[in-house]
């Protein structure tokens, strides 16, 4: 089962949209539910999570491709201090649409952003 967030922004290209058109992972799955099996969608999600562009088609010919739209990545932060004396969880940072995959925490906004970056780098190193 894929773990790509439904709101993940993607770019899809085919014969009609050679340069690609924006979409979301949920829209892509819905638009292709008759053409692609759940296992194929899982393979595509795994490729996208690793940062790769997934190329679909027959044999050596590329008929379409899909990739995560990195230009649309939006990082959000929020100051939400819990009612505890420890301040290291006062700020939270996360990638918009990707909250399920984790967030960063810190005493300051900068620390939360740095923690998020460390989580994302660790995910990439693990091949998540």
C-alpha atoms as a PDB file:
ATOM      1  CA  UNK A   1       0.000   0.000   0.000  1.00  0.00           C
ATOM      2  CA  UNK A   2       1.435   3.372  -0.982  1.00  0.00           C
ATOM      3  CA  UNK A   3       2.044   6.019   1.639  1.00  0.00           C
ATOM      4  CA  UNK A   4       2.217   9.023  -0.636  1.00  0.00           C
ATOM      5  CA  UNK A   5      -0.024  11.734   0.812  1.00  0.00           C
ATOM      6  CA  UNK A   6      -3.172  12.286  -1.301  1.00  0.00           C
ATOM      7  CA  UNK A   7      -2.505  16.047  -1.425  1.00  0.00           C
ATOM      8  CA  UNK A   8       1.059  15.588  -2.750  1.00  0.00           C
ATOM      9  CA  UNK A   9       1.459  17.863  -5.747  1.00  0.00           C
ATOM     10  CA  UNK A  10       2.658  16.078  -8.872  1.00  0.00           C
ATOM     11  CA  UNK A  11       3.304  16.856 -12.531  1.00  0.00           C
ATOM     12  CA  UNK A  12       2.025  14.445 -15.186  1.00  0.00           C
ATOM     13  CA  UNK A  13       3.036  14.503 -18.848  1.00  0.00           C
ATOM     14  CA  UNK A  14       1.729  12.556 -21.826  1.00  0.00           C
ATOM     15  CA  UNK A  15       1.037  13.130 -25.518  1.00  0.00           C
ATOM     16  CA  UNK A  16      -1.466  15.882 -24.705  1.00  0.00           C
ATOM     17  CA  UNK A  17       0.637  17.607 -22.053  1.00  0.00           C
ATOM     18  CA  UNK A  18       4.230  17.187 -23.202  1.00  0.00           C
ATOM     19  CA  UNK A  19       5.546  19.732 -20.691  1.00  0.00           C
ATOM     20  CA  UNK A  20       3.395  18.329 -17.928  1.00  0.00           C
ATOM     21  CA  UNK A  21       0.337  19.533 -16.098  1.00  0.00           C
ATOM     22  CA  UNK A  22      -0.141  19.899 -12.344  1.00  0.00           C
ATOM     23  CA  UNK A  23      -2.227  17.457 -10.377  1.00  0.00           C
ATOM     24  CA  UNK A  24      -2.298  15.741  -6.992  1.00  0.00           C
ATOM     25  CA  UNK A  25      -1.584  12.139  -6.127  1.00  0.00           C
ATOM     26  CA  UNK A  26      -5.266  11.592  -5.243  1.00  0.00           C
ATOM     27  CA  UNK A  27      -6.397  12.946  -8.639  1.00  0.00           C
ATOM     28  CA  UNK A  28      -3.815  10.805 -10.450  1.00  0.00           C
ATOM     29  CA  UNK A  29      -5.003   7.649  -8.642  1.00  0.00           C
ATOM     30  CA  UNK A  30      -8.636   8.456  -9.333  1.00  0.00           C
ATOM     31  CA  UNK A  31      -7.976   9.238 -13.007  1.00  0.00           C
ATOM     32  CA  UNK A  32      -6.025   5.999 -13.482  1.00  0.00           C
ATOM     33  CA  UNK A  33      -7.934   3.537 -11.282  1.00  0.00           C
ATOM     34  CA  UNK A  34      -9.132   1.593 -14.342  1.00  0.00           C
ATOM     35  CA  UNK A  35      -5.773   1.618 -16.121  1.00  0.00           C
ATOM     36  CA  UNK A  36      -3.377   0.863 -13.245  1.00  0.00           C
ATOM     37  CA  UNK A  37      -3.543  -1.866 -10.608  1.00  0.00           C
ATOM     38  CA  UNK A  38      -3.004  -1.110  -6.901  1.00  0.00           C
ATOM     39  CA  UNK A  39       0.423  -2.781  -7.175  1.00  0.00           C
ATOM     40  CA  UNK A  40       1.359  -0.501 -10.082  1.00  0.00           C
ATOM     41  CA  UNK A  41       0.215   2.566  -8.125  1.00  0.00           C
ATOM     42  CA  UNK A  42       2.353   1.353  -5.194  1.00  0.00           C
ATOM     43  CA  UNK A  43       5.379   1.097  -7.515  1.00  0.00           C
ATOM     44  CA  UNK A  44       4.759   4.589  -8.836  1.00  0.00           C
ATOM     45  CA  UNK A  45       4.342   5.961  -5.294  1.00  0.00           C
ATOM     46  CA  UNK A  46       7.608   4.319  -4.213  1.00  0.00           C
ATOM     47  CA  UNK A  47       9.430   5.908  -7.160  1.00  0.00           C
ATOM     48  CA  UNK A  48       7.981   9.323  -6.399  1.00  0.00           C
ATOM     49  CA  UNK A  49       8.844   9.028  -2.698  1.00  0.00           C
ATOM     50  CA  UNK A  50      12.456   8.309  -3.611  1.00  0.00           C
ATOM     51  CA  UNK A  51      12.557  11.503  -5.670  1.00  0.00           C
ATOM     52  CA  UNK A  52      12.580   9.739  -9.036  1.00  0.00           C
ATOM     53  CA  UNK A  53      10.477  10.456 -12.088  1.00  0.00           C
ATOM     54  CA  UNK A  54       8.310   7.466 -12.980  1.00  0.00           C
ATOM     55  CA  UNK A  55       8.227   6.763 -16.711  1.00  0.00           C
ATOM     56  CA  UNK A  56       5.328   4.730 -18.040  1.00  0.00           C
ATOM     57  CA  UNK A  57       4.782   3.222 -21.409  1.00  0.00           C
ATOM     58  CA  UNK A  58       5.471   0.232 -23.550  1.00  0.00           C
ATOM     59  CA  UNK A  59       8.991  -1.096 -23.975  1.00  0.00           C
ATOM     60  CA  UNK A  60      11.623   1.534 -24.670  1.00  0.00           C
ATOM     61  CA  UNK A  61       9.088   4.200 -25.592  1.00  0.00           C
ATOM     62  CA  UNK A  62       8.018   6.730 -22.973  1.00  0.00           C
ATOM     63  CA  UNK A  63       4.271   7.252 -23.237  1.00  0.00           C
ATOM     64  CA  UNK A  64       3.883   9.287 -20.045  1.00  0.00           C
ATOM     65  CA  UNK A  65       5.762  10.343 -16.934  1.00  0.00           C
ATOM     66  CA  UNK A  66       4.919  11.584 -13.452  1.00  0.00           C
ATOM     67  CA  UNK A  67       7.046  13.260 -10.788  1.00  0.00           C
ATOM     68  CA  UNK A  68       6.550  15.139  -7.553  1.00  0.00           C
ATOM     69  CA  UNK A  69       6.227  18.860  -8.201  1.00  0.00           C
ATOM     70  CA  UNK A  70       9.147  20.134  -6.135  1.00  0.00           C
ATOM     71  CA  UNK A  71       8.506  23.711  -7.246  1.00  0.00           C
ATOM     72  CA  UNK A  72       5.225  23.648  -5.348  1.00  0.00           C
ATOM     73  CA  UNK A  73       6.629  22.270  -2.096  1.00  0.00           C
ATOM     74  CA  UNK A  74       5.456  24.476   0.720  1.00  0.00           C
ATOM     75  CA  UNK A  75       6.835  24.207   4.234  1.00  0.00           C
ATOM     76  CA  UNK A  76       4.589  25.406   7.023  1.00  0.00           C
ATOM     77  CA  UNK A  77       5.429  26.268  10.624  1.00  0.00           C
ATOM     78  CA  UNK A  78       3.299  26.846  13.662  1.00  0.00           C
ATOM     79  CA  UNK A  79       4.012  28.038  17.189  1.00  0.00           C
ATOM     80  CA  UNK A  80       2.004  25.740  19.452  1.00  0.00           C
ATOM     81  CA  UNK A  81       3.706  25.421  22.839  1.00  0.00           C
ATOM     82  CA  UNK A  82       2.366  22.484  24.863  1.00  0.00           C
ATOM     83  CA  UNK A  83       1.485  23.010  28.530  1.00  0.00           C
ATOM     84  CA  UNK A  84       4.798  21.536  29.747  1.00  0.00           C
ATOM     85  CA  UNK A  85       7.913  23.284  31.066  1.00  0.00           C
ATOM     86  CA  UNK A  86      10.149  21.880  28.300  1.00  0.00           C
ATOM     87  CA  UNK A  87      10.419  24.359  25.406  1.00  0.00           C
ATOM     88  CA  UNK A  88      11.927  22.003  22.771  1.00  0.00           C
ATOM     89  CA  UNK A  89       8.457  21.292  21.302  1.00  0.00           C
ATOM     90  CA  UNK A  90       7.143  24.861  21.014  1.00  0.00           C
ATOM     91  CA  UNK A  91       7.466  25.041  17.219  1.00  0.00           C
ATOM     92  CA  UNK A  92       6.374  22.531  14.571  1.00  0.00           C
ATOM     93  CA  UNK A  93       7.392  22.458  10.886  1.00  0.00           C
ATOM     94  CA  UNK A  94       5.964  20.204   8.161  1.00  0.00           C
ATOM     95  CA  UNK A  95       5.647  19.876   4.403  1.00  0.00           C
ATOM     96  CA  UNK A  96       2.165  20.924   3.317  1.00  0.00           C
ATOM     97  CA  UNK A  97       0.184  17.875   2.244  1.00  0.00           C
ATOM     98  CA  UNK A  98       2.749  15.502   3.748  1.00  0.00           C
ATOM     99  CA  UNK A  99       1.972  15.785   7.465  1.00  0.00           C
ATOM    100  CA  UNK A 100       1.513  12.008   7.864  1.00  0.00           C
ATOM    101  CA  UNK A 101       5.167  11.432   7.063  1.00  0.00           C
ATOM    102  CA  UNK A 102       6.420  13.467   9.988  1.00  0.00           C
ATOM    103  CA  UNK A 103       7.309  16.926  11.116  1.00  0.00           C
ATOM    104  CA  UNK A 104      10.119  18.773  12.814  1.00  0.00           C
ATOM    105  CA  UNK A 105      10.044  20.134  16.349  1.00  0.00           C
ATOM    106  CA  UNK A 106      12.107  22.775  18.096  1.00  0.00           C
ATOM    107  CA  UNK A 107      12.290  25.489  20.712  1.00  0.00           C
ATOM    108  CA  UNK A 108      12.441  28.012  17.865  1.00  0.00           C
ATOM    109  CA  UNK A 109      11.059  28.099  14.347  1.00  0.00           C
ATOM    110  CA  UNK A 110      14.575  27.647  12.933  1.00  0.00           C
ATOM    111  CA  UNK A 111      15.163  24.562  15.110  1.00  0.00           C
ATOM    112  CA  UNK A 112      11.874  23.041  13.935  1.00  0.00           C
ATOM    113  CA  UNK A 113      12.825  23.652  10.290  1.00  0.00           C
ATOM    114  CA  UNK A 114      16.278  22.116  10.866  1.00  0.00           C
ATOM    115  CA  UNK A 115      14.675  19.079  12.534  1.00  0.00           C
ATOM    116  CA  UNK A 116      12.293  18.653   9.578  1.00  0.00           C
ATOM    117  CA  UNK A 117      15.198  18.850   7.144  1.00  0.00           C
ATOM    118  CA  UNK A 118      17.098  16.202   9.128  1.00  0.00           C
ATOM    119  CA  UNK A 119      14.035  13.897   9.005  1.00  0.00           C
ATOM    120  CA  UNK A 120      13.697  14.364   5.235  1.00  0.00           C
ATOM    121  CA  UNK A 121      17.411  13.720   4.662  1.00  0.00           C
ATOM    122  CA  UNK A 122      17.213  10.551   6.782  1.00  0.00           C
ATOM    123  CA  UNK A 123      14.167   9.364   4.789  1.00  0.00           C
ATOM    124  CA  UNK A 124      16.023   9.901   1.531  1.00  0.00           C
ATOM    125  CA  UNK A 125      19.108   8.064   2.853  1.00  0.00           C
ATOM    126  CA  UNK A 126      16.904   5.120   3.885  1.00  0.00           C
ATOM    127  CA  UNK A 127      15.233   5.115   0.486  1.00  0.00           C
ATOM    128  CA  UNK A 128      11.791   5.888   1.934  1.00  0.00           C
END
